[in-house]
N, C-alpha and C. Protein backbone atom coordinates (compact mmCIF):
# COMPACT_ATOMS: atom_id res chain seq x y z
N MET A 1 -92.66 -36.01 -14.38
CA MET A 1 -92.57 -36.76 -15.78
C MET A 1 -91.90 -35.86 -16.87
N GLU A 2 -90.88 -36.31 -17.57
CA GLU A 2 -90.36 -35.22 -18.52
C GLU A 2 -91.26 -35.37 -19.93
N GLU A 3 -91.33 -34.37 -20.37
CA GLU A 3 -91.85 -34.45 -21.80
C GLU A 3 -91.08 -34.40 -22.98
N SER A 4 -91.26 -35.21 -24.23
CA SER A 4 -90.44 -35.32 -25.01
C SER A 4 -91.25 -34.73 -25.96
N ASN A 5 -90.85 -33.78 -27.05
CA ASN A 5 -91.02 -32.94 -27.83
C ASN A 5 -90.13 -33.28 -28.80
N THR A 6 -90.54 -33.22 -30.25
CA THR A 6 -89.61 -32.60 -31.66
C THR A 6 -89.70 -31.08 -31.74
N LEU A 7 -88.51 -30.61 -31.60
CA LEU A 7 -88.88 -28.94 -31.27
C LEU A 7 -88.27 -28.66 -33.09
N LEU A 8 -88.65 -27.24 -33.54
CA LEU A 8 -88.16 -26.92 -34.83
C LEU A 8 -86.94 -26.43 -34.67
N SER A 9 -85.98 -26.50 -35.76
CA SER A 9 -84.89 -26.31 -35.85
C SER A 9 -84.26 -24.73 -35.99
N TYR A 10 -85.20 -24.04 -36.81
CA TYR A 10 -85.07 -22.96 -37.15
C TYR A 10 -86.53 -22.20 -37.18
N TYR A 11 -86.28 -21.06 -37.08
CA TYR A 11 -87.69 -19.86 -37.35
C TYR A 11 -87.79 -19.82 -38.63
N GLN A 12 -86.61 -19.35 -39.04
CA GLN A 12 -86.31 -19.35 -40.73
C GLN A 12 -84.89 -19.43 -41.13
N THR A 13 -84.67 -19.89 -42.62
CA THR A 13 -83.83 -20.54 -42.69
C THR A 13 -83.04 -19.36 -43.56
N GLU A 14 -83.13 -18.37 -43.90
CA GLU A 14 -82.30 -17.58 -44.64
C GLU A 14 -81.00 -16.89 -44.21
N LEU A 15 -81.21 -17.05 -43.14
CA LEU A 15 -80.45 -16.13 -42.51
C LEU A 15 -79.66 -16.97 -41.15
N THR A 16 -78.81 -16.51 -40.73
CA THR A 16 -77.75 -17.40 -39.70
C THR A 16 -78.62 -17.03 -38.81
N GLU A 17 -79.05 -18.00 -37.93
CA GLU A 17 -80.40 -17.62 -36.34
C GLU A 17 -79.54 -18.05 -35.14
N ALA A 18 -79.81 -17.37 -34.25
CA ALA A 18 -79.34 -17.51 -33.23
C ALA A 18 -80.45 -17.52 -31.79
N GLY A 19 -80.64 -18.51 -31.11
CA GLY A 19 -81.77 -18.75 -30.02
C GLY A 19 -80.88 -18.06 -28.74
N CYS A 20 -82.08 -17.49 -27.93
CA CYS A 20 -81.97 -16.72 -26.68
C CYS A 20 -82.47 -17.11 -25.68
N ASP A 21 -82.06 -17.37 -24.36
CA ASP A 21 -83.02 -17.36 -23.50
C ASP A 21 -82.21 -16.90 -22.03
N GLU A 22 -83.14 -16.68 -21.12
CA GLU A 22 -82.21 -16.32 -19.80
C GLU A 22 -82.22 -17.31 -18.49
N ALA A 23 -81.66 -16.96 -17.70
CA ALA A 23 -82.54 -17.84 -16.22
C ALA A 23 -81.91 -16.72 -15.15
N GLY A 24 -82.75 -17.05 -13.75
CA GLY A 24 -82.79 -16.67 -12.97
C GLY A 24 -83.25 -15.03 -13.01
N ARG A 25 -84.14 -14.78 -13.73
CA ARG A 25 -84.87 -13.35 -13.38
C ARG A 25 -85.87 -13.41 -12.35
N GLY A 26 -86.58 -14.07 -11.78
CA GLY A 26 -87.01 -13.78 -10.58
C GLY A 26 -86.49 -14.21 -9.44
N CYS A 27 -84.89 -14.32 -9.59
CA CYS A 27 -84.63 -14.92 -8.18
C CYS A 27 -84.37 -13.53 -7.05
N LEU A 28 -84.35 -13.58 -6.02
CA LEU A 28 -84.07 -12.76 -4.88
C LEU A 28 -82.04 -12.64 -4.86
N ALA A 29 -81.32 -13.85 -5.20
CA ALA A 29 -80.39 -13.24 -5.25
C ALA A 29 -79.45 -13.35 -6.20
N GLY A 30 -78.30 -13.34 -6.70
CA GLY A 30 -77.34 -13.94 -7.69
C GLY A 30 -77.62 -12.74 -8.82
N PRO A 31 -76.54 -13.38 -9.97
CA PRO A 31 -76.71 -12.69 -11.32
C PRO A 31 -77.80 -13.53 -12.09
N VAL A 32 -78.24 -12.69 -13.24
CA VAL A 32 -79.43 -13.40 -14.28
C VAL A 32 -78.10 -13.60 -15.31
N PHE A 33 -78.47 -14.91 -15.96
CA PHE A 33 -77.33 -15.36 -17.11
C PHE A 33 -78.44 -15.89 -17.78
N ALA A 34 -77.52 -15.42 -19.07
CA ALA A 34 -78.08 -15.54 -20.94
C ALA A 34 -77.35 -16.26 -21.46
N ALA A 35 -78.09 -17.04 -22.69
CA ALA A 35 -76.86 -17.92 -23.52
C ALA A 35 -77.50 -17.66 -24.80
N ALA A 36 -76.66 -17.90 -25.56
CA ALA A 36 -77.26 -17.45 -27.16
C ALA A 36 -76.64 -18.73 -27.74
N VAL A 37 -77.42 -19.35 -28.51
CA VAL A 37 -76.95 -20.98 -29.60
C VAL A 37 -77.39 -20.94 -30.98
N ILE A 38 -76.48 -20.87 -31.61
CA ILE A 38 -76.70 -21.20 -33.04
C ILE A 38 -76.56 -22.76 -33.51
N PHE A 39 -77.30 -23.53 -33.89
CA PHE A 39 -77.33 -25.02 -34.46
C PHE A 39 -77.46 -25.00 -36.24
N PRO A 40 -76.94 -26.11 -36.61
CA PRO A 40 -76.83 -26.23 -37.76
C PRO A 40 -78.20 -26.46 -38.48
N ALA A 41 -78.45 -25.74 -40.01
CA ALA A 41 -79.89 -25.56 -40.33
C ALA A 41 -80.80 -26.71 -39.99
N ASP A 42 -79.99 -28.02 -40.23
CA ASP A 42 -80.88 -29.44 -40.27
C ASP A 42 -80.89 -29.92 -39.05
N TYR A 43 -80.28 -29.48 -37.78
CA TYR A 43 -80.16 -30.11 -36.41
C TYR A 43 -81.21 -30.69 -35.92
N VAL A 44 -81.01 -31.99 -35.48
CA VAL A 44 -82.60 -32.28 -35.03
C VAL A 44 -81.57 -33.12 -33.57
N ASN A 45 -82.52 -32.77 -32.75
CA ASN A 45 -82.34 -33.82 -31.20
C ASN A 45 -83.95 -33.92 -30.29
N PRO A 46 -84.21 -34.96 -30.62
CA PRO A 46 -85.53 -35.30 -29.86
C PRO A 46 -85.35 -35.05 -28.41
N ILE A 47 -84.33 -35.18 -27.65
CA ILE A 47 -84.08 -34.93 -26.03
C ILE A 47 -84.38 -33.48 -25.74
N LEU A 48 -84.10 -32.81 -26.56
CA LEU A 48 -83.43 -31.23 -25.94
C LEU A 48 -85.08 -30.65 -26.17
N ASN A 49 -85.37 -29.64 -24.91
CA ASN A 49 -86.54 -29.28 -24.66
C ASN A 49 -86.25 -28.39 -23.76
N ASP A 50 -87.52 -27.67 -23.37
CA ASP A 50 -87.05 -26.24 -22.31
C ASP A 50 -86.29 -26.81 -21.00
N SER A 51 -85.71 -26.18 -20.27
CA SER A 51 -84.88 -26.57 -19.33
C SER A 51 -85.98 -27.24 -18.31
N LYS A 52 -86.66 -26.01 -18.02
CA LYS A 52 -88.17 -26.09 -17.15
C LYS A 52 -88.94 -27.73 -17.07
N LYS A 53 -88.57 -28.35 -18.02
CA LYS A 53 -89.41 -29.74 -18.45
C LYS A 53 -88.43 -30.72 -18.19
N LEU A 54 -86.99 -30.18 -17.75
CA LEU A 54 -86.16 -31.47 -18.12
C LEU A 54 -85.39 -31.41 -16.46
N SER A 55 -85.19 -32.54 -16.05
CA SER A 55 -84.73 -32.91 -14.63
C SER A 55 -83.27 -32.86 -14.80
N LEU A 56 -82.69 -32.41 -13.47
CA LEU A 56 -81.15 -31.66 -13.10
C LEU A 56 -80.50 -32.81 -14.28
N LYS A 57 -80.53 -34.15 -14.20
CA LYS A 57 -79.60 -34.69 -14.63
C LYS A 57 -79.70 -35.08 -16.38
N LYS A 58 -80.82 -34.69 -16.64
CA LYS A 58 -81.09 -34.20 -18.18
C LYS A 58 -80.22 -32.97 -18.45
N ARG A 59 -80.46 -31.95 -17.56
CA ARG A 59 -80.11 -30.78 -18.17
C ARG A 59 -78.68 -31.17 -18.36
N GLU A 60 -77.84 -31.44 -17.38
CA GLU A 60 -76.32 -31.77 -16.91
C GLU A 60 -76.24 -32.50 -17.99
N SER A 61 -76.67 -33.81 -18.86
CA SER A 61 -76.33 -34.70 -19.67
C SER A 61 -76.11 -33.43 -21.11
N LEU A 62 -77.36 -32.98 -20.99
CA LEU A 62 -77.61 -32.04 -22.28
C LEU A 62 -76.53 -31.15 -22.86
N ARG A 63 -76.01 -30.35 -21.63
CA ARG A 63 -75.19 -29.51 -21.97
C ARG A 63 -73.86 -29.68 -22.51
N PRO A 64 -72.76 -30.71 -22.34
CA PRO A 64 -72.00 -30.84 -23.23
C PRO A 64 -72.33 -31.47 -24.58
N ILE A 65 -73.41 -31.76 -25.07
CA ILE A 65 -74.10 -32.09 -26.16
C ILE A 65 -74.40 -30.64 -27.05
N ILE A 66 -74.91 -30.12 -26.46
CA ILE A 66 -75.26 -28.72 -26.69
C ILE A 66 -74.00 -28.06 -27.51
N GLU A 67 -73.16 -27.98 -26.50
CA GLU A 67 -71.84 -27.27 -26.74
C GLU A 67 -70.78 -27.41 -27.83
N LYS A 68 -70.99 -29.07 -27.84
CA LYS A 68 -70.14 -29.86 -28.84
C LYS A 68 -70.69 -29.92 -30.34
N GLU A 69 -72.14 -29.92 -30.40
CA GLU A 69 -72.95 -29.82 -31.61
C GLU A 69 -73.33 -28.88 -32.20
N ALA A 70 -73.34 -27.79 -31.00
CA ALA A 70 -73.75 -26.12 -31.87
C ALA A 70 -72.75 -25.82 -32.99
N LEU A 71 -72.88 -25.15 -33.55
CA LEU A 71 -72.10 -24.07 -34.83
C LEU A 71 -71.74 -23.02 -33.63
N ALA A 72 -72.02 -22.55 -33.11
CA ALA A 72 -71.77 -21.57 -31.87
C ALA A 72 -72.65 -21.50 -30.72
N PHE A 73 -71.82 -20.94 -29.47
CA PHE A 73 -72.54 -20.78 -28.59
C PHE A 73 -71.68 -19.80 -27.63
N ALA A 74 -72.68 -19.17 -26.56
CA ALA A 74 -72.21 -18.43 -25.38
C ALA A 74 -72.97 -18.21 -24.22
N VAL A 75 -72.54 -18.20 -23.00
CA VAL A 75 -73.09 -18.11 -22.07
C VAL A 75 -72.60 -16.40 -21.33
N SER A 76 -73.51 -15.31 -20.53
CA SER A 76 -72.94 -14.01 -20.14
C SER A 76 -73.76 -14.02 -18.96
N SER A 77 -73.36 -13.19 -18.16
CA SER A 77 -74.16 -13.03 -16.59
C SER A 77 -74.32 -11.38 -16.58
N VAL A 78 -75.29 -10.95 -15.78
CA VAL A 78 -75.13 -9.56 -14.84
C VAL A 78 -75.28 -9.71 -13.80
N SER A 79 -74.61 -8.79 -12.89
CA SER A 79 -74.73 -8.71 -11.50
C SER A 79 -75.99 -8.79 -10.62
N ALA A 80 -75.78 -8.78 -9.34
CA ALA A 80 -77.35 -8.33 -8.62
C ALA A 80 -76.74 -6.83 -8.77
N GLU A 81 -75.50 -6.32 -8.50
CA GLU A 81 -75.64 -5.05 -8.38
C GLU A 81 -75.96 -4.00 -9.77
N VAL A 82 -75.64 -4.58 -10.64
CA VAL A 82 -76.20 -4.18 -12.29
C VAL A 82 -77.46 -4.16 -12.15
N ILE A 83 -78.14 -5.40 -11.71
CA ILE A 83 -79.49 -5.17 -11.96
C ILE A 83 -80.37 -4.41 -11.05
N ASP A 84 -80.12 -4.05 -9.82
CA ASP A 84 -80.31 -3.54 -9.16
C ASP A 84 -80.18 -1.58 -9.79
N GLN A 85 -79.19 -1.59 -10.51
CA GLN A 85 -78.70 -0.46 -10.69
C GLN A 85 -79.60 -0.06 -12.13
N ILE A 86 -80.27 -0.83 -12.96
CA ILE A 86 -80.69 -0.96 -14.23
C ILE A 86 -81.89 -1.47 -14.49
N ASN A 87 -82.82 -2.15 -13.30
CA ASN A 87 -83.92 -3.14 -13.20
C ASN A 87 -83.60 -4.68 -14.00
N ILE A 88 -84.43 -5.79 -13.45
CA ILE A 88 -84.05 -7.06 -13.82
C ILE A 88 -84.63 -7.01 -15.33
N HIS A 89 -85.05 -6.29 -15.85
CA HIS A 89 -85.61 -6.65 -17.55
C HIS A 89 -84.54 -5.92 -18.65
N ARG A 90 -84.26 -5.06 -18.07
CA ARG A 90 -82.75 -4.36 -19.07
C ARG A 90 -81.77 -5.53 -18.24
N ALA A 91 -81.39 -5.71 -17.61
CA ALA A 91 -80.29 -7.04 -17.50
C ALA A 91 -80.44 -8.15 -18.20
N SER A 92 -81.64 -8.39 -18.13
CA SER A 92 -81.88 -9.85 -18.87
C SER A 92 -81.18 -9.70 -20.48
N TYR A 93 -81.71 -8.75 -20.92
CA TYR A 93 -81.47 -8.16 -22.32
C TYR A 93 -79.88 -8.18 -22.41
N LEU A 94 -79.54 -7.04 -21.38
CA LEU A 94 -78.04 -7.02 -21.25
C LEU A 94 -76.89 -8.62 -21.66
N ALA A 95 -77.85 -9.24 -20.64
CA ALA A 95 -77.27 -10.47 -20.78
C ALA A 95 -77.02 -11.11 -21.89
N MET A 96 -78.29 -10.93 -22.71
CA MET A 96 -78.35 -11.66 -24.10
C MET A 96 -77.55 -10.91 -24.77
N HIS A 97 -77.61 -9.73 -24.78
CA HIS A 97 -76.62 -9.26 -25.87
C HIS A 97 -75.50 -9.33 -25.74
N GLN A 98 -74.78 -9.57 -24.55
CA GLN A 98 -73.30 -9.97 -24.26
C GLN A 98 -73.14 -11.29 -24.65
N ALA A 99 -74.49 -12.14 -24.51
CA ALA A 99 -74.00 -13.55 -24.76
C ALA A 99 -73.71 -13.37 -26.63
N LEU A 100 -74.72 -12.28 -27.43
CA LEU A 100 -74.37 -12.24 -28.75
C LEU A 100 -73.19 -11.90 -29.05
N ASP A 101 -72.76 -10.97 -28.20
CA ASP A 101 -71.49 -10.49 -28.76
C ASP A 101 -70.04 -11.82 -28.76
N LEU A 102 -70.54 -12.60 -28.16
CA LEU A 102 -69.34 -13.66 -27.70
C LEU A 102 -69.39 -14.62 -28.50
N LEU A 103 -70.76 -14.97 -29.24
CA LEU A 103 -70.74 -15.84 -30.34
C LEU A 103 -69.56 -15.91 -31.55
N ALA A 104 -69.27 -17.00 -31.80
CA ALA A 104 -67.94 -16.97 -32.45
C ALA A 104 -68.32 -16.67 -34.30
N ILE A 105 -69.43 -17.18 -34.03
CA ILE A 105 -70.31 -16.84 -35.36
C ILE A 105 -71.27 -15.54 -34.84
N GLU A 106 -71.51 -14.75 -35.95
CA GLU A 106 -72.32 -13.46 -35.87
C GLU A 106 -73.64 -13.76 -36.13
N ALA A 107 -74.71 -13.81 -35.37
CA ALA A 107 -75.88 -13.82 -35.53
C ALA A 107 -76.49 -12.67 -36.93
N SER A 108 -77.25 -13.52 -37.89
CA SER A 108 -77.79 -12.48 -38.56
C SER A 108 -79.26 -12.28 -38.38
N TYR A 109 -79.70 -13.39 -37.50
CA TYR A 109 -81.37 -13.15 -36.91
C TYR A 109 -81.54 -13.56 -35.64
N ILE A 110 -82.16 -13.25 -34.74
CA ILE A 110 -82.33 -13.71 -33.20
C ILE A 110 -83.62 -13.92 -33.03
N ILE A 111 -83.93 -15.19 -32.31
CA ILE A 111 -85.16 -15.38 -32.10
C ILE A 111 -85.09 -15.70 -30.47
N VAL A 112 -86.22 -15.06 -29.47
CA VAL A 112 -85.76 -14.95 -28.19
C VAL A 112 -87.26 -15.68 -27.53
N ASP A 113 -86.88 -15.86 -26.67
CA ASP A 113 -88.08 -16.50 -25.58
C ASP A 113 -88.29 -15.36 -24.98
N GLY A 114 -90.12 -15.51 -24.88
CA GLY A 114 -90.87 -14.28 -24.29
C GLY A 114 -91.48 -13.43 -25.51
N ASN A 115 -92.29 -12.09 -24.85
CA ASN A 115 -92.54 -11.19 -25.95
C ASN A 115 -92.14 -9.95 -25.94
N LYS A 116 -91.06 -9.96 -25.61
CA LYS A 116 -90.15 -8.48 -25.52
C LYS A 116 -88.66 -8.70 -25.62
N PHE A 117 -88.32 -7.60 -26.31
CA PHE A 117 -86.54 -7.73 -26.46
C PHE A 117 -86.46 -6.46 -26.60
N ILE A 118 -85.01 -5.82 -26.20
CA ILE A 118 -84.26 -4.94 -26.52
C ILE A 118 -83.43 -5.35 -27.73
N PRO A 119 -83.54 -4.08 -28.94
CA PRO A 119 -82.95 -4.58 -30.30
C PRO A 119 -81.22 -4.62 -30.04
N TYR A 120 -80.75 -5.52 -30.81
CA TYR A 120 -79.23 -5.93 -30.72
C TYR A 120 -78.89 -5.65 -31.73
N LYS A 121 -77.92 -4.41 -32.02
CA LYS A 121 -77.52 -3.77 -33.21
C LYS A 121 -78.53 -3.55 -34.07
N GLU A 122 -78.40 -3.78 -35.39
CA GLU A 122 -79.79 -3.61 -36.26
C GLU A 122 -79.96 -5.30 -36.94
N ILE A 123 -79.49 -5.91 -36.10
CA ILE A 123 -80.14 -7.25 -36.59
C ILE A 123 -81.92 -7.85 -35.96
N PRO A 124 -82.25 -8.20 -37.04
CA PRO A 124 -83.73 -8.47 -36.92
C PRO A 124 -84.28 -9.45 -36.04
N TYR A 125 -85.35 -9.92 -35.34
CA TYR A 125 -85.57 -10.74 -34.25
C TYR A 125 -87.11 -10.63 -34.16
N THR A 126 -87.26 -12.14 -33.60
CA THR A 126 -88.60 -12.40 -33.38
C THR A 126 -88.67 -12.73 -32.05
N CYS A 127 -89.44 -11.97 -30.89
CA CYS A 127 -89.89 -13.12 -29.69
C CYS A 127 -91.20 -13.76 -29.83
N ILE A 128 -90.62 -15.00 -29.23
CA ILE A 128 -91.33 -16.18 -29.14
C ILE A 128 -92.02 -16.54 -27.80
N VAL A 129 -93.29 -16.28 -27.51
CA VAL A 129 -93.51 -17.12 -26.09
C VAL A 129 -93.90 -18.64 -25.89
N LYS A 130 -93.14 -18.67 -25.12
CA LYS A 130 -92.80 -20.19 -24.91
C LYS A 130 -91.74 -20.79 -25.75
N GLY A 131 -91.03 -20.21 -26.67
CA GLY A 131 -90.18 -20.68 -27.22
C GLY A 131 -89.01 -21.37 -26.93
N ASP A 132 -89.07 -21.67 -25.95
CA ASP A 132 -88.29 -22.72 -25.34
C ASP A 132 -88.72 -24.08 -25.11
N GLY A 133 -90.12 -24.03 -25.54
CA GLY A 133 -90.72 -25.38 -26.18
C GLY A 133 -90.73 -25.32 -27.61
N LYS A 134 -90.41 -24.53 -28.26
CA LYS A 134 -90.72 -24.65 -29.70
C LYS A 134 -89.62 -24.62 -30.52
N TYR A 135 -88.57 -24.22 -30.19
CA TYR A 135 -87.50 -23.93 -30.98
C TYR A 135 -86.05 -24.85 -30.00
N LEU A 136 -84.79 -25.56 -31.01
CA LEU A 136 -83.93 -25.79 -30.49
C LEU A 136 -83.07 -25.31 -29.79
N SER A 137 -82.60 -24.11 -30.66
CA SER A 137 -81.73 -23.12 -30.40
C SER A 137 -82.34 -22.57 -29.00
N ILE A 138 -83.44 -22.13 -28.81
CA ILE A 138 -83.95 -21.28 -27.74
C ILE A 138 -84.09 -22.33 -26.27
N ALA A 139 -84.27 -23.50 -26.85
CA ALA A 139 -84.26 -24.34 -25.73
C ALA A 139 -83.03 -24.47 -24.92
N ALA A 140 -82.06 -24.83 -25.81
CA ALA A 140 -80.74 -24.94 -25.81
C ALA A 140 -79.76 -24.07 -25.12
N ALA A 141 -80.42 -22.52 -25.44
CA ALA A 141 -80.22 -21.26 -24.58
C ALA A 141 -80.46 -21.28 -23.02
N SER A 142 -81.82 -22.10 -23.07
CA SER A 142 -82.13 -22.10 -22.01
C SER A 142 -81.84 -23.06 -20.87
N ILE A 143 -81.22 -23.93 -21.39
CA ILE A 143 -80.45 -25.32 -20.43
C ILE A 143 -78.90 -24.39 -20.44
N LEU A 144 -78.51 -24.08 -21.35
CA LEU A 144 -77.07 -23.42 -20.75
C LEU A 144 -77.34 -22.48 -19.72
N ALA A 145 -78.39 -21.62 -19.98
CA ALA A 145 -78.17 -20.30 -19.04
C ALA A 145 -78.56 -21.08 -17.29
N LYS A 146 -79.53 -21.69 -17.51
CA LYS A 146 -79.82 -22.52 -16.39
C LYS A 146 -78.53 -23.28 -15.68
N THR A 147 -78.24 -24.48 -16.60
CA THR A 147 -76.84 -25.20 -15.80
C THR A 147 -75.61 -24.14 -15.30
N TYR A 148 -75.30 -23.20 -16.24
CA TYR A 148 -74.46 -22.19 -15.87
C TYR A 148 -74.39 -21.38 -14.60
N ARG A 149 -75.77 -21.06 -14.56
CA ARG A 149 -76.46 -19.99 -12.96
C ARG A 149 -76.31 -21.14 -11.88
N ASP A 150 -76.88 -22.13 -12.36
CA ASP A 150 -77.12 -23.03 -10.81
C ASP A 150 -75.95 -23.45 -10.32
N GLU A 151 -74.75 -23.55 -11.45
CA GLU A 151 -73.18 -24.03 -10.79
C GLU A 151 -72.38 -22.69 -10.21
N TYR A 152 -73.09 -21.55 -10.63
CA TYR A 152 -72.41 -20.36 -9.97
C TYR A 152 -72.86 -20.11 -8.67
N MET A 153 -74.22 -20.46 -8.68
CA MET A 153 -74.95 -20.63 -7.36
C MET A 153 -74.49 -21.41 -6.20
N ASP A 154 -74.24 -22.68 -6.80
CA ASP A 154 -73.58 -23.47 -5.59
C ASP A 154 -72.30 -22.88 -5.50
N GLY A 155 -71.64 -22.45 -6.29
CA GLY A 155 -69.90 -21.82 -6.04
C GLY A 155 -70.38 -21.17 -4.87
N ILE A 156 -71.13 -19.98 -4.95
CA ILE A 156 -71.48 -19.23 -3.70
C ILE A 156 -71.84 -19.21 -2.59
N ALA A 157 -73.04 -20.74 -2.83
CA ALA A 157 -73.55 -21.07 -1.42
C ALA A 157 -72.50 -21.30 -0.56
N LYS A 158 -71.03 -21.93 -0.92
CA LYS A 158 -70.21 -22.59 0.13
C LYS A 158 -69.94 -21.18 0.88
N ASP A 159 -69.67 -19.77 0.70
CA ASP A 159 -69.66 -19.02 1.82
C ASP A 159 -71.10 -18.30 2.26
N PHE A 160 -71.95 -18.83 2.03
CA PHE A 160 -73.10 -18.43 2.34
C PHE A 160 -74.01 -19.73 2.25
N PRO A 161 -73.91 -20.26 3.16
CA PRO A 161 -74.67 -21.76 3.71
C PRO A 161 -76.09 -21.57 4.21
N ASN A 162 -76.35 -20.44 4.80
CA ASN A 162 -77.20 -20.69 5.52
C ASN A 162 -78.90 -19.78 4.61
N TYR A 163 -78.66 -19.44 3.55
CA TYR A 163 -79.62 -19.32 2.58
C TYR A 163 -80.26 -20.64 1.68
N GLY A 164 -79.60 -21.63 2.00
CA GLY A 164 -79.90 -22.86 1.51
C GLY A 164 -79.69 -22.36 -0.36
N TRP A 165 -78.89 -21.85 -0.81
CA TRP A 165 -78.72 -21.87 -2.51
C TRP A 165 -78.70 -22.97 -3.23
N THR A 166 -78.07 -23.93 -2.79
CA THR A 166 -77.53 -25.16 -3.23
C THR A 166 -79.09 -25.61 -3.86
N LYS A 167 -80.08 -25.68 -3.05
CA LYS A 167 -81.53 -26.01 -3.00
C LYS A 167 -82.43 -25.19 -3.90
N ASN A 168 -82.36 -23.71 -3.55
CA ASN A 168 -83.18 -23.05 -4.03
C ASN A 168 -82.82 -21.75 -5.34
N LYS A 169 -81.19 -21.86 -5.43
CA LYS A 169 -80.69 -21.21 -6.37
C LYS A 169 -81.18 -19.73 -6.05
N GLY A 170 -81.21 -19.38 -5.14
CA GLY A 170 -81.56 -17.82 -5.32
C GLY A 170 -83.13 -17.29 -5.19
N TYR A 171 -84.02 -18.43 -5.54
CA TYR A 171 -85.53 -18.08 -5.83
C TYR A 171 -86.10 -17.93 -4.72
N PRO A 172 -87.26 -17.31 -4.35
CA PRO A 172 -87.71 -17.03 -3.01
C PRO A 172 -88.50 -18.12 -2.37
N THR A 173 -87.99 -19.23 -2.23
CA THR A 173 -88.86 -19.93 -1.50
C THR A 173 -88.57 -19.55 0.19
N VAL A 174 -89.43 -20.32 0.82
CA VAL A 174 -90.16 -20.14 1.99
C VAL A 174 -88.87 -20.09 2.71
N GLU A 175 -87.96 -21.09 2.76
CA GLU A 175 -86.63 -21.17 3.49
C GLU A 175 -85.59 -20.15 3.20
N HIS A 176 -85.62 -19.65 1.99
CA HIS A 176 -84.71 -18.26 1.32
C HIS A 176 -85.19 -17.01 2.16
N ARG A 177 -86.22 -16.79 2.15
CA ARG A 177 -87.07 -16.17 2.74
C ARG A 177 -87.00 -15.80 4.41
N ASN A 178 -87.11 -17.06 5.27
CA ASN A 178 -86.89 -17.11 6.15
C ASN A 178 -85.58 -16.97 6.82
N ALA A 179 -84.32 -17.34 5.85
CA ALA A 179 -83.21 -17.44 6.26
C ALA A 179 -82.89 -15.52 6.13
N ILE A 180 -83.39 -14.76 5.14
CA ILE A 180 -83.30 -13.64 4.99
C ILE A 180 -83.57 -12.72 6.27
N LEU A 181 -84.93 -13.25 7.06
CA LEU A 181 -85.10 -12.72 8.12
C LEU A 181 -84.80 -12.74 9.30
N GLU A 182 -83.87 -14.01 9.21
CA GLU A 182 -82.95 -14.38 10.38
C GLU A 182 -81.35 -13.85 9.82
N SER A 183 -81.20 -13.59 8.77
CA SER A 183 -79.26 -13.38 8.64
C SER A 183 -79.59 -12.02 8.17
N GLY A 184 -80.65 -11.79 7.49
CA GLY A 184 -80.41 -10.03 6.66
C GLY A 184 -79.94 -10.79 5.19
N ILE A 185 -79.52 -9.45 4.59
CA ILE A 185 -79.22 -9.87 3.15
C ILE A 185 -77.81 -9.65 2.78
N CYS A 186 -77.07 -10.14 2.11
CA CYS A 186 -76.09 -10.23 1.77
C CYS A 186 -75.56 -9.91 0.22
N SER A 187 -74.39 -9.59 -0.15
CA SER A 187 -74.11 -8.89 -1.08
C SER A 187 -74.50 -9.36 -2.43
N TYR A 188 -74.61 -10.62 -2.47
CA TYR A 188 -75.18 -11.05 -3.71
C TYR A 188 -76.51 -10.86 -3.42
N HIS A 189 -77.88 -10.36 -2.49
CA HIS A 189 -78.60 -10.13 -3.00
C HIS A 189 -79.32 -8.70 -3.81
N ARG A 190 -80.41 -9.04 -4.56
CA ARG A 190 -80.76 -7.93 -5.20
C ARG A 190 -81.35 -7.00 -4.34
N LYS A 191 -80.82 -5.66 -4.03
CA LYS A 191 -81.74 -4.91 -2.97
C LYS A 191 -83.19 -3.97 -3.28
N THR A 192 -83.15 -4.29 -4.99
CA THR A 192 -84.00 -3.68 -5.25
C THR A 192 -85.60 -4.25 -5.47
N PHE A 193 -85.18 -5.77 -5.25
CA PHE A 193 -86.39 -7.01 -4.87
C PHE A 193 -87.17 -6.37 -3.68
N ARG A 194 -88.01 -7.35 -3.49
CA ARG A 194 -88.97 -7.37 -2.63
C ARG A 194 -89.58 -8.26 -1.82
N ILE A 195 -89.39 -8.88 -1.04
CA ILE A 195 -90.28 -10.15 -0.48
C ILE A 195 -91.43 -9.87 0.29
N THR A 196 -92.58 -10.72 -0.37
CA THR A 196 -93.67 -10.67 0.26
C THR A 196 -94.06 -10.69 1.86
N ASP A 197 -93.06 -10.42 2.74
CA ASP A 197 -93.12 -10.20 3.86
C ASP A 197 -93.21 -9.07 4.72
N PRO A 198 -94.25 -8.48 5.54
CA PRO A 198 -94.11 -6.86 5.50
C PRO A 198 -92.97 -6.71 6.89
N GLN A 199 -92.58 -7.79 7.31
CA GLN A 199 -91.17 -7.62 7.95
C GLN A 199 -90.25 -7.32 7.25
N LEU A 200 -90.35 -7.57 5.85
CA LEU A 200 -88.91 -7.29 5.31
C LEU A 200 -89.13 -6.71 3.97
N LYS A 201 -88.45 -5.82 3.85
CA LYS A 201 -88.36 -4.79 2.47
C LYS A 201 -86.61 -4.81 2.05
N LEU A 202 -86.70 -5.12 0.85
CA LEU A 202 -85.59 -4.87 0.15
C LEU A 202 -85.31 -3.77 -1.00
N PHE A 203 -84.84 -2.75 -0.33
CA PHE A 203 -84.56 -1.65 -1.42
C PHE A 203 -83.42 -1.04 -1.35
């Protein structure tokens, strides 16, 4: 059942604020995606919430609303290959930095979901645990990152149907793990990740 919340518009109102979030950090395959969103200071949307609390249909219906009503938004991704090179944490922040680079309006303050962030330029920021359930811009970023990533995974699943990516989106489900055991890994898998099965090691 979906939760209905009235989230806060801004963490602070003196500076132009962008909310950032990512999707796909815990996956075994595919890129990590991140988004940055800037809303008007008085923006209100009672339906908008953390993407994990919304149905697929609701996320998909909110995406064009976010893109229309935001002052600026951007989505970026970092490939599995780069994730293997720099690790998933740095890759997640890199995707956020790239999204911030792409904003049509430059942010002068950043709020980020979670408890860690790599500073972007010299712009002040605040990390907010469960921020995607507290602030509209972070919630919107979580929805954009999630829907764009899901769309990407559905696309590459056409070439690799055996992994079940249209359902699991690259996350370590039993189905996905079993498919890797049967077929091995492909170019979209994160080779530095390890599946908790003694028969399978991804390095």
